[in-house]
Amino acid sequence: ISLNRHVGVRILGQDKIAVSFLAMGQQAKFN
C-alpha cells in the first residue's frame, strides 16, 4: 500500500514488514 506519494508499506510476513521512503531519487527502508 501507499500511505502517500513518498511512503509505502510492504507486508510479506510477521517479521517481513517494511516501510519505504522515496523522495528526490533517495530511498530509505525501515524493517
Full PDB file with SEQRES, HELIX, SHEET, SSBOND, CRYST1, ORIGX, SCALE, CONECT and MASTER records, all heavy atoms in Angstrom:
SEQRES   1 A   31  ILE SER LEU ASN ARG HIS VAL GLY VAL ARG ILE LEU GLY          
SEQRES   2 A   31  GLN ASP LYS ILE ALA VAL SER PHE LEU ALA MET GLY GLN          
SEQRES   3 A   31  GLN ALA LYS PHE ASN                                          
SHEET    1 AA1 3 VAL A   7  GLY A  13  0                                        
SHEET    2 AA1 3 LYS A  16  ALA A  23 -1                                        
SHEET    3 AA1 3 GLN A  26  PHE A  30 -1                                        
CRYST1    1.000    1.000    1.000  90.00  90.00  90.00 P 1           1          
ORIGX1      1.000000  0.000000  0.000000        0.00000                         
ORIGX2      0.000000  1.000000  0.000000        0.00000                         
ORIGX3      0.000000  0.000000  1.000000        0.00000                         
SCALE1      1.000000  0.000000  0.000000        0.00000                         
SCALE2      0.000000  1.000000  0.000000        0.00000                         
SCALE3      0.000000  0.000000  1.000000        0.00000                         
ATOM      1  N   ILE A   1       0.846  -1.196   0.000  1.00  0.00           N  
ATOM      2  CA  ILE A   1       0.000   0.000   0.000  1.00  0.00           C  
ATOM      3  C   ILE A   1       0.880   1.243   0.000  1.00  0.00           C  
ATOM      4  O   ILE A   1       2.041   1.205   0.411  1.00  0.00           O  
ATOM      5  CB  ILE A   1      -0.947   0.041   1.225  1.00  0.00           C  
ATOM      6  CG1 ILE A   1      -0.148   0.154   2.526  1.00  0.00           C  
ATOM      7  CG2 ILE A   1      -1.864  -1.165   1.257  1.00  0.00           C  
ATOM      8  CD1 ILE A   1      -1.017   0.402   3.753  1.00  0.00           C  
ATOM      9  N   SER A   2       0.311   2.342  -0.476  1.00  0.00           N  
ATOM     10  CA  SER A   2       0.986   3.638  -0.470  1.00  0.00           C  
ATOM     11  C   SER A   2       0.262   4.557   0.493  1.00  0.00           C  
ATOM     12  O   SER A   2      -0.914   4.894   0.266  1.00  0.00           O  
ATOM     13  CB  SER A   2       0.999   4.248  -1.883  1.00  0.00           C  
ATOM     14  OG  SER A   2       1.746   3.451  -2.773  1.00  0.00           O  
ATOM     15  N   LEU A   3       0.938   4.955   1.552  1.00  0.00           N  
ATOM     16  CA  LEU A   3       0.330   5.859   2.520  1.00  0.00           C  
ATOM     17  C   LEU A   3       0.226   7.264   1.948  1.00  0.00           C  
ATOM     18  O   LEU A   3      -0.706   8.007   2.246  1.00  0.00           O  
ATOM     19  CB  LEU A   3       1.148   5.878   3.812  1.00  0.00           C  
ATOM     20  CG  LEU A   3       1.225   4.543   4.569  1.00  0.00           C  
ATOM     21  CD1 LEU A   3       2.154   4.673   5.767  1.00  0.00           C  
ATOM     22  CD2 LEU A   3      -0.156   4.095   5.009  1.00  0.00           C  
ATOM     23  N   ASN A   4       1.190   7.628   1.135  1.00  0.00           N  
ATOM     24  CA  ASN A   4       1.165   8.911   0.423  1.00  0.00           C  
ATOM     25  C   ASN A   4       2.131   8.816  -0.755  1.00  0.00           C  
ATOM     26  O   ASN A   4       2.578   7.705  -1.097  1.00  0.00           O  
ATOM     27  CB  ASN A   4       1.511  10.085   1.367  1.00  0.00           C  
ATOM     28  CG  ASN A   4       2.847   9.881   2.076  1.00  0.00           C  
ATOM     29  OD1 ASN A   4       3.870   9.629   1.431  1.00  0.00           O  
ATOM     30  ND2 ASN A   4       2.850   9.992   3.396  1.00  0.00           N  
ATOM     31  N   ARG A   5       2.445   9.927  -1.374  1.00  0.00           N  
ATOM     32  CA  ARG A   5       3.299   9.912  -2.570  1.00  0.00           C  
ATOM     33  C   ARG A   5       4.700   9.381  -2.297  1.00  0.00           C  
ATOM     34  O   ARG A   5       5.376   8.881  -3.206  1.00  0.00           O  
ATOM     35  CB  ARG A   5       3.414  11.316  -3.148  1.00  0.00           C  
ATOM     36  CG  ARG A   5       2.145  11.874  -3.763  1.00  0.00           C  
ATOM     37  CD  ARG A   5       2.394  13.295  -4.252  1.00  0.00           C  
ATOM     38  NE  ARG A   5       3.530  13.357  -5.165  1.00  0.00           N  
ATOM     39  CZ  ARG A   5       4.116  14.484  -5.542  1.00  0.00           C  
ATOM     40  NH1 ARG A   5       3.673  15.660  -5.072  1.00  0.00           N  
ATOM     41  NH2 ARG A   5       5.133  14.464  -6.380  1.00  0.00           N  
ATOM     42  N   HIS A   6       5.165   9.467  -1.066  1.00  0.00           N  
ATOM     43  CA  HIS A   6       6.559   9.143  -0.756  1.00  0.00           C  
ATOM     44  C   HIS A   6       6.748   7.913   0.131  1.00  0.00           C  
ATOM     45  O   HIS A   6       7.845   7.365   0.186  1.00  0.00           O  
ATOM     46  CB  HIS A   6       7.234  10.342  -0.076  1.00  0.00           C  
ATOM     47  CG  HIS A   6       7.211  11.594  -0.881  1.00  0.00           C  
ATOM     48  ND1 HIS A   6       8.022  11.792  -1.974  1.00  0.00           N  
ATOM     49  CD2 HIS A   6       6.463  12.722  -0.763  1.00  0.00           C  
ATOM     50  CE1 HIS A   6       7.785  12.984  -2.493  1.00  0.00           C  
ATOM     51  NE2 HIS A   6       6.837  13.566  -1.779  1.00  0.00           N  
ATOM     52  N   VAL A   7       5.721   7.488   0.835  1.00  0.00           N  
ATOM     53  CA  VAL A   7       5.862   6.407   1.813  1.00  0.00           C  
ATOM     54  C   VAL A   7       4.954   5.239   1.461  1.00  0.00           C  
ATOM     55  O   VAL A   7       3.751   5.423   1.223  1.00  0.00           O  
ATOM     56  CB  VAL A   7       5.542   6.890   3.245  1.00  0.00           C  
ATOM     57  CG1 VAL A   7       5.791   5.755   4.252  1.00  0.00           C  
ATOM     58  CG2 VAL A   7       6.391   8.103   3.605  1.00  0.00           C  
ATOM     59  N   GLY A   8       5.548   4.061   1.401  1.00  0.00           N  
ATOM     60  CA  GLY A   8       4.791   2.843   1.131  1.00  0.00           C  
ATOM     61  C   GLY A   8       5.049   1.799   2.193  1.00  0.00           C  
ATOM     62  O   GLY A   8       6.033   1.868   2.940  1.00  0.00           O  
ATOM     63  N   VAL A   9       4.163   0.814   2.282  1.00  0.00           N  
ATOM     64  CA  VAL A   9       4.286  -0.273   3.257  1.00  0.00           C  
ATOM     65  C   VAL A   9       4.175  -1.596   2.513  1.00  0.00           C  
ATOM     66  O   VAL A   9       3.281  -1.783   1.678  1.00  0.00           O  
ATOM     67  CB  VAL A   9       3.197  -0.186   4.344  1.00  0.00           C  
ATOM     68  CG1 VAL A   9       3.309  -1.379   5.301  1.00  0.00           C  
ATOM     69  CG2 VAL A   9       3.311   1.120   5.107  1.00  0.00           C  
ATOM     70  N   ARG A  10       5.090  -2.506   2.840  1.00  0.00           N  
ATOM     71  CA  ARG A  10       5.073  -3.847   2.248  1.00  0.00           C  
ATOM     72  C   ARG A  10       4.987  -4.867   3.378  1.00  0.00           C  
ATOM     73  O   ARG A  10       5.784  -4.844   4.322  1.00  0.00           O  
ATOM     74  CB  ARG A  10       6.336  -4.076   1.429  1.00  0.00           C  
ATOM     75  CG  ARG A  10       6.406  -5.455   0.772  1.00  0.00           C  
ATOM     76  CD  ARG A  10       7.703  -5.628   0.016  1.00  0.00           C  
ATOM     77  NE  ARG A  10       8.850  -5.571   0.922  1.00  0.00           N  
ATOM     78  CZ  ARG A  10      10.117  -5.627   0.523  1.00  0.00           C  
ATOM     79  NH1 ARG A  10      10.395  -5.691  -0.771  1.00  0.00           N  
ATOM     80  NH2 ARG A  10      11.101  -5.570   1.394  1.00  0.00           N  
ATOM     81  N   ILE A  11       4.010  -5.776   3.286  1.00  0.00           N  
ATOM     82  CA  ILE A  11       3.798  -6.795   4.321  1.00  0.00           C  
ATOM     83  C   ILE A  11       3.898  -8.163   3.659  1.00  0.00           C  
ATOM     84  O   ILE A  11       3.034  -8.547   2.869  1.00  0.00           O  
ATOM     85  CB  ILE A  11       2.434  -6.625   5.003  1.00  0.00           C  
ATOM     86  CG1 ILE A  11       2.297  -5.209   5.580  1.00  0.00           C  
ATOM     87  CG2 ILE A  11       2.251  -7.667   6.111  1.00  0.00           C  
ATOM     88  CD1 ILE A  11       0.919  -4.904   6.120  1.00  0.00           C  
ATOM     89  N   LEU A  12       4.938  -8.898   3.990  1.00  0.00           N  
ATOM     90  CA  LEU A  12       5.148 -10.239   3.452  1.00  0.00           C  
ATOM     91  C   LEU A  12       5.065 -11.308   4.532  1.00  0.00           C  
ATOM     92  O   LEU A  12       4.919 -12.488   4.228  1.00  0.00           O  
ATOM     93  CB  LEU A  12       6.509 -10.336   2.753  1.00  0.00           C  
ATOM     94  CG  LEU A  12       6.742  -9.359   1.600  1.00  0.00           C  
ATOM     95  CD1 LEU A  12       8.139  -9.548   1.032  1.00  0.00           C  
ATOM     96  CD2 LEU A  12       5.699  -9.549   0.512  1.00  0.00           C  
ATOM     97  N   GLY A  13       5.189 -10.913   5.789  1.00  0.00           N  
ATOM     98  CA  GLY A  13       5.143 -11.847   6.902  1.00  0.00           C  
ATOM     99  C   GLY A  13       5.249 -11.091   8.204  1.00  0.00           C  
ATOM    100  O   GLY A  13       5.459  -9.871   8.225  1.00  0.00           O  
ATOM    101  N   GLN A  14       5.130 -11.819   9.305  1.00  0.00           N  
ATOM    102  CA  GLN A  14       5.165 -11.170  10.615  1.00  0.00           C  
ATOM    103  C   GLN A  14       6.478 -10.437  10.850  1.00  0.00           C  
ATOM    104  O   GLN A  14       6.500  -9.352  11.438  1.00  0.00           O  
ATOM    105  CB  GLN A  14       4.938 -12.206  11.720  1.00  0.00           C  
ATOM    106  CG  GLN A  14       4.783 -11.609  13.113  1.00  0.00           C  
ATOM    107  CD  GLN A  14       4.554 -12.658  14.174  1.00  0.00           C  
ATOM    108  OE1 GLN A  14       4.838 -13.837  13.948  1.00  0.00           O  
ATOM    109  NE2 GLN A  14       4.046 -12.264  15.322  1.00  0.00           N  
ATOM    110  N   ASP A  15       7.581 -11.010  10.398  1.00  0.00           N  
ATOM    111  CA  ASP A  15       8.882 -10.382  10.563  1.00  0.00           C  
ATOM    112  C   ASP A  15       9.393  -9.775   9.256  1.00  0.00           C  
ATOM    113  O   ASP A  15      10.565  -9.429   9.148  1.00  0.00           O  
ATOM    114  CB  ASP A  15       9.897 -11.398  11.107  1.00  0.00           C  
ATOM    115  CG  ASP A  15      10.043 -12.605  10.202  1.00  0.00           C  
ATOM    116  OD1 ASP A  15       9.175 -12.798   9.324  1.00  0.00           O  
ATOM    117  OD2 ASP A  15      11.008 -13.362  10.369  1.00  0.00           O  
ATOM    118  N   LYS A  16       8.508  -9.658   8.257  1.00  0.00           N  
ATOM    119  CA  LYS A  16       8.889  -9.092   6.964  1.00  0.00           C  
ATOM    120  C   LYS A  16       7.930  -7.965   6.603  1.00  0.00           C  
ATOM    121  O   LYS A  16       7.159  -8.056   5.647  1.00  0.00           O  
ATOM    122  CB  LYS A  16       8.882 -10.176   5.892  1.00  0.00           C  
ATOM    123  CG  LYS A  16       9.917 -11.270   6.129  1.00  0.00           C  
ATOM    124  CD  LYS A  16       9.851 -12.338   5.053  1.00  0.00           C  
ATOM    125  CE  LYS A  16      10.890 -13.435   5.310  1.00  0.00           C  
ATOM    126  NZ  LYS A  16      10.827 -14.511   4.289  1.00  0.00           N  
ATOM    127  N   ILE A  17       7.959  -6.921   7.427  1.00  0.00           N  
ATOM    128  CA  ILE A  17       7.147  -5.728   7.204  1.00  0.00           C  
ATOM    129  C   ILE A  17       8.106  -4.556   7.029  1.00  0.00           C  
ATOM    130  O   ILE A  17       8.954  -4.313   7.882  1.00  0.00           O  
ATOM    131  CB  ILE A  17       6.199  -5.467   8.384  1.00  0.00           C  
ATOM    132  CG1 ILE A  17       5.304  -6.691   8.627  1.00  0.00           C  
ATOM    133  CG2 ILE A  17       5.331  -4.233   8.128  1.00  0.00           C  
ATOM    134  CD1 ILE A  17       4.451  -6.579   9.867  1.00  0.00           C  
ATOM    135  N   ALA A  18       7.988  -3.846   5.925  1.00  0.00           N  
ATOM    136  CA  ALA A  18       8.928  -2.770   5.623  1.00  0.00           C  
ATOM    137  C   ALA A  18       8.196  -1.486   5.288  1.00  0.00           C  
ATOM    138  O   ALA A  18       7.174  -1.499   4.599  1.00  0.00           O  
ATOM    139  CB  ALA A  18       9.847  -3.163   4.474  1.00  0.00           C  
ATOM    140  N   VAL A  19       8.731  -0.382   5.792  1.00  0.00           N  
ATOM    141  CA  VAL A  19       8.279   0.957   5.429  1.00  0.00           C  
ATOM    142  C   VAL A  19       9.345   1.537   4.512  1.00  0.00           C  
ATOM    143  O   VAL A  19      10.520   1.591   4.870  1.00  0.00           O  
ATOM    144  CB  VAL A  19       8.104   1.848   6.672  1.00  0.00           C  
ATOM    145  CG1 VAL A  19       7.791   3.288   6.267  1.00  0.00           C  
ATOM    146  CG2 VAL A  19       6.996   1.309   7.567  1.00  0.00           C  
ATOM    147  N   SER A  20       8.955   1.947   3.324  1.00  0.00           N  
ATOM    148  CA  SER A  20       9.913   2.502   2.365  1.00  0.00           C  
ATOM    149  C   SER A  20       9.606   3.970   2.112  1.00  0.00           C  
ATOM    150  O   SER A  20       8.442   4.349   1.960  1.00  0.00           O  
ATOM    151  CB  SER A  20       9.880   1.721   1.043  1.00  0.00           C  
ATOM    152  OG  SER A  20       8.588   1.761   0.468  1.00  0.00           O  
ATOM    153  N   PHE A  21      10.657   4.775   2.090  1.00  0.00           N  
ATOM    154  CA  PHE A  21      10.533   6.213   1.861  1.00  0.00           C  
ATOM    155  C   PHE A  21      11.336   6.557   0.614  1.00  0.00           C  
ATOM    156  O   PHE A  21      12.513   6.208   0.500  1.00  0.00           O  
ATOM    157  CB  PHE A  21      11.074   6.983   3.069  1.00  0.00           C  
ATOM    158  CG  PHE A  21      11.074   8.470   2.885  1.00  0.00           C  
ATOM    159  CD1 PHE A  21       9.932   9.216   3.104  1.00  0.00           C  
ATOM    160  CD2 PHE A  21      12.221   9.126   2.468  1.00  0.00           C  
ATOM    161  CE1 PHE A  21       9.931  10.593   2.928  1.00  0.00           C  
ATOM    162  CE2 PHE A  21      12.242  10.504   2.288  1.00  0.00           C  
ATOM    163  CZ  PHE A  21      11.086  11.239   2.511  1.00  0.00           C  
ATOM    164  N   LEU A  22      10.700   7.236  -0.352  1.00  0.00           N  
ATOM    165  CA  LEU A  22      11.351   7.579  -1.606  1.00  0.00           C  
ATOM    166  C   LEU A  22      11.052   9.035  -1.951  1.00  0.00           C  
ATOM    167  O   LEU A  22       9.900   9.446  -2.031  1.00  0.00           O  
ATOM    168  CB  LEU A  22      10.846   6.678  -2.735  1.00  0.00           C  
ATOM    169  CG  LEU A  22      11.412   6.940  -4.136  1.00  0.00           C  
ATOM    170  CD1 LEU A  22      12.918   6.708  -4.159  1.00  0.00           C  
ATOM    171  CD2 LEU A  22      10.719   6.042  -5.163  1.00  0.00           C  
ATOM    172  N   ALA A  23      12.121   9.808  -2.121  1.00  0.00           N  
ATOM    173  CA  ALA A  23      11.962  11.227  -2.472  1.00  0.00           C  
ATOM    174  C   ALA A  23      13.257  11.730  -3.098  1.00  0.00           C  
ATOM    175  O   ALA A  23      14.353  11.419  -2.625  1.00  0.00           O  
ATOM    176  CB  ALA A  23      11.618  12.055  -1.239  1.00  0.00           C  
ATOM    177  N   MET A  24      13.132  12.495  -4.170  1.00  0.00           N  
ATOM    178  CA  MET A  24      14.263  13.125  -4.848  1.00  0.00           C  
ATOM    179  C   MET A  24      15.375  12.133  -5.167  1.00  0.00           C  
ATOM    180  O   MET A  24      16.558  12.406  -5.013  1.00  0.00           O  
ATOM    181  CB  MET A  24      14.808  14.276  -3.990  1.00  0.00           C  
ATOM    182  CG  MET A  24      13.801  15.388  -3.763  1.00  0.00           C  
ATOM    183  SD  MET A  24      14.485  16.829  -2.909  1.00  0.00           S  
ATOM    184  CE  MET A  24      14.978  16.100  -1.360  1.00  0.00           C  
ATOM    185  N   GLY A  25      14.983  10.932  -5.620  1.00  0.00           N  
ATOM    186  CA  GLY A  25      15.960   9.922  -6.013  1.00  0.00           C  
ATOM    187  C   GLY A  25      16.617   9.188  -4.863  1.00  0.00           C  
ATOM    188  O   GLY A  25      17.462   8.320  -5.083  1.00  0.00           O  
ATOM    189  N   GLN A  26      16.253   9.504  -3.627  1.00  0.00           N  
ATOM    190  CA  GLN A  26      16.823   8.843  -2.454  1.00  0.00           C  
ATOM    191  C   GLN A  26      15.783   7.917  -1.835  1.00  0.00           C  
ATOM    192  O   GLN A  26      14.588   8.243  -1.791  1.00  0.00           O  
ATOM    193  CB  GLN A  26      17.269   9.876  -1.417  1.00  0.00           C  
ATOM    194  CG  GLN A  26      18.314  10.855  -1.915  1.00  0.00           C  
ATOM    195  CD  GLN A  26      19.647  10.185  -2.170  1.00  0.00           C  
ATOM    196  OE1 GLN A  26      20.045   9.268  -1.461  1.00  0.00           O  
ATOM    197  NE2 GLN A  26      20.356  10.652  -3.189  1.00  0.00           N  
ATOM    198  N   GLN A  27      16.239   6.752  -1.352  1.00  0.00           N  
ATOM    199  CA  GLN A  27      15.321   5.784  -0.756  1.00  0.00           C  
ATOM    200  C   GLN A  27      15.850   5.302   0.580  1.00  0.00           C  
ATOM    201  O   GLN A  27      17.063   5.126   0.760  1.00  0.00           O  
ATOM    202  CB  GLN A  27      15.110   4.585  -1.682  1.00  0.00           C  
ATOM    203  CG  GLN A  27      14.077   3.583  -1.161  1.00  0.00           C  
ATOM    204  CD  GLN A  27      13.847   2.441  -2.150  1.00  0.00           C  
ATOM    205  OE1 GLN A  27      14.739   2.067  -2.892  1.00  0.00           O  
ATOM    206  NE2 GLN A  27      12.654   1.882  -2.150  1.00  0.00           N  
ATOM    207  N   ALA A  28      14.932   5.119   1.524  1.00  0.00           N  
ATOM    208  CA  ALA A  28      15.275   4.556   2.831  1.00  0.00           C  
ATOM    209  C   ALA A  28      14.240   3.496   3.178  1.00  0.00           C  
ATOM    210  O   ALA A  28      13.049   3.663   2.893  1.00  0.00           O  
ATOM    211  CB  ALA A  28      15.292   5.639   3.906  1.00  0.00           C  
ATOM    212  N   LYS A  29      14.691   2.390   3.746  1.00  0.00           N  
ATOM    213  CA  LYS A  29      13.792   1.314   4.138  1.00  0.00           C  
ATOM    214  C   LYS A  29      13.940   1.031   5.629  1.00  0.00           C  
ATOM    215  O   LYS A  29      15.048   1.020   6.159  1.00  0.00           O  
ATOM    216  CB  LYS A  29      14.085   0.041   3.336  1.00  0.00           C  
ATOM    217  CG  LYS A  29      13.668   0.123   1.885  1.00  0.00           C  
ATOM    218  CD  LYS A  29      13.845  -1.225   1.195  1.00  0.00           C  
ATOM    219  CE  LYS A  29      13.372  -1.159  -0.252  1.00  0.00           C  
ATOM    220  NZ  LYS A  29      13.504  -2.476  -0.935  1.00  0.00           N  
ATOM    221  N   PHE A  30      12.815   0.806   6.275  1.00  0.00           N  
ATOM    222  CA  PHE A  30      12.795   0.504   7.704  1.00  0.00           C  
ATOM    223  C   PHE A  30      12.100  -0.843   7.889  1.00  0.00           C  
ATOM    224  O   PHE A  30      10.941  -1.004   7.493  1.00  0.00           O  
ATOM    225  CB  PHE A  30      12.033   1.579   8.489  1.00  0.00           C  
ATOM    226  CG  PHE A  30      12.549   2.972   8.274  1.00  0.00           C  
ATOM    227  CD1 PHE A  30      12.081   3.748   7.207  1.00  0.00           C  
ATOM    228  CD2 PHE A  30      13.494   3.514   9.121  1.00  0.00           C  
ATOM    229  CE1 PHE A  30      12.546   5.029   7.001  1.00  0.00           C  
ATOM    230  CE2 PHE A  30      13.971   4.802   8.918  1.00  0.00           C  
ATOM    231  CZ  PHE A  30      13.500   5.562   7.861  1.00  0.00           C  
ATOM    232  N   ASN A  31      12.818  -1.799   8.474  1.00  0.00           N  
ATOM    233  CA  ASN A  31      12.210  -3.088   8.769  1.00  0.00           C  
ATOM    234  C   ASN A  31      11.469  -2.976  10.100  1.00  0.00           C  
ATOM    235  O   ASN A  31      12.087  -2.845  11.157  1.00  0.00           O  
ATOM    236  CB  ASN A  31      13.270  -4.189   8.845  1.00  0.00           C  
ATOM    237  CG  ASN A  31      12.654  -5.553   9.132  1.00  0.00           C  
ATOM    238  OD1 ASN A  31      11.455  -5.742   8.968  1.00  0.00           O  
ATOM    239  ND2 ASN A  31      13.472  -6.493   9.569  1.00  0.00           N  
TER     240      ASN A  31                                                      
MASTER        0    0    0    0    3    0    0    6  239    1    0    3          
END                                                                             
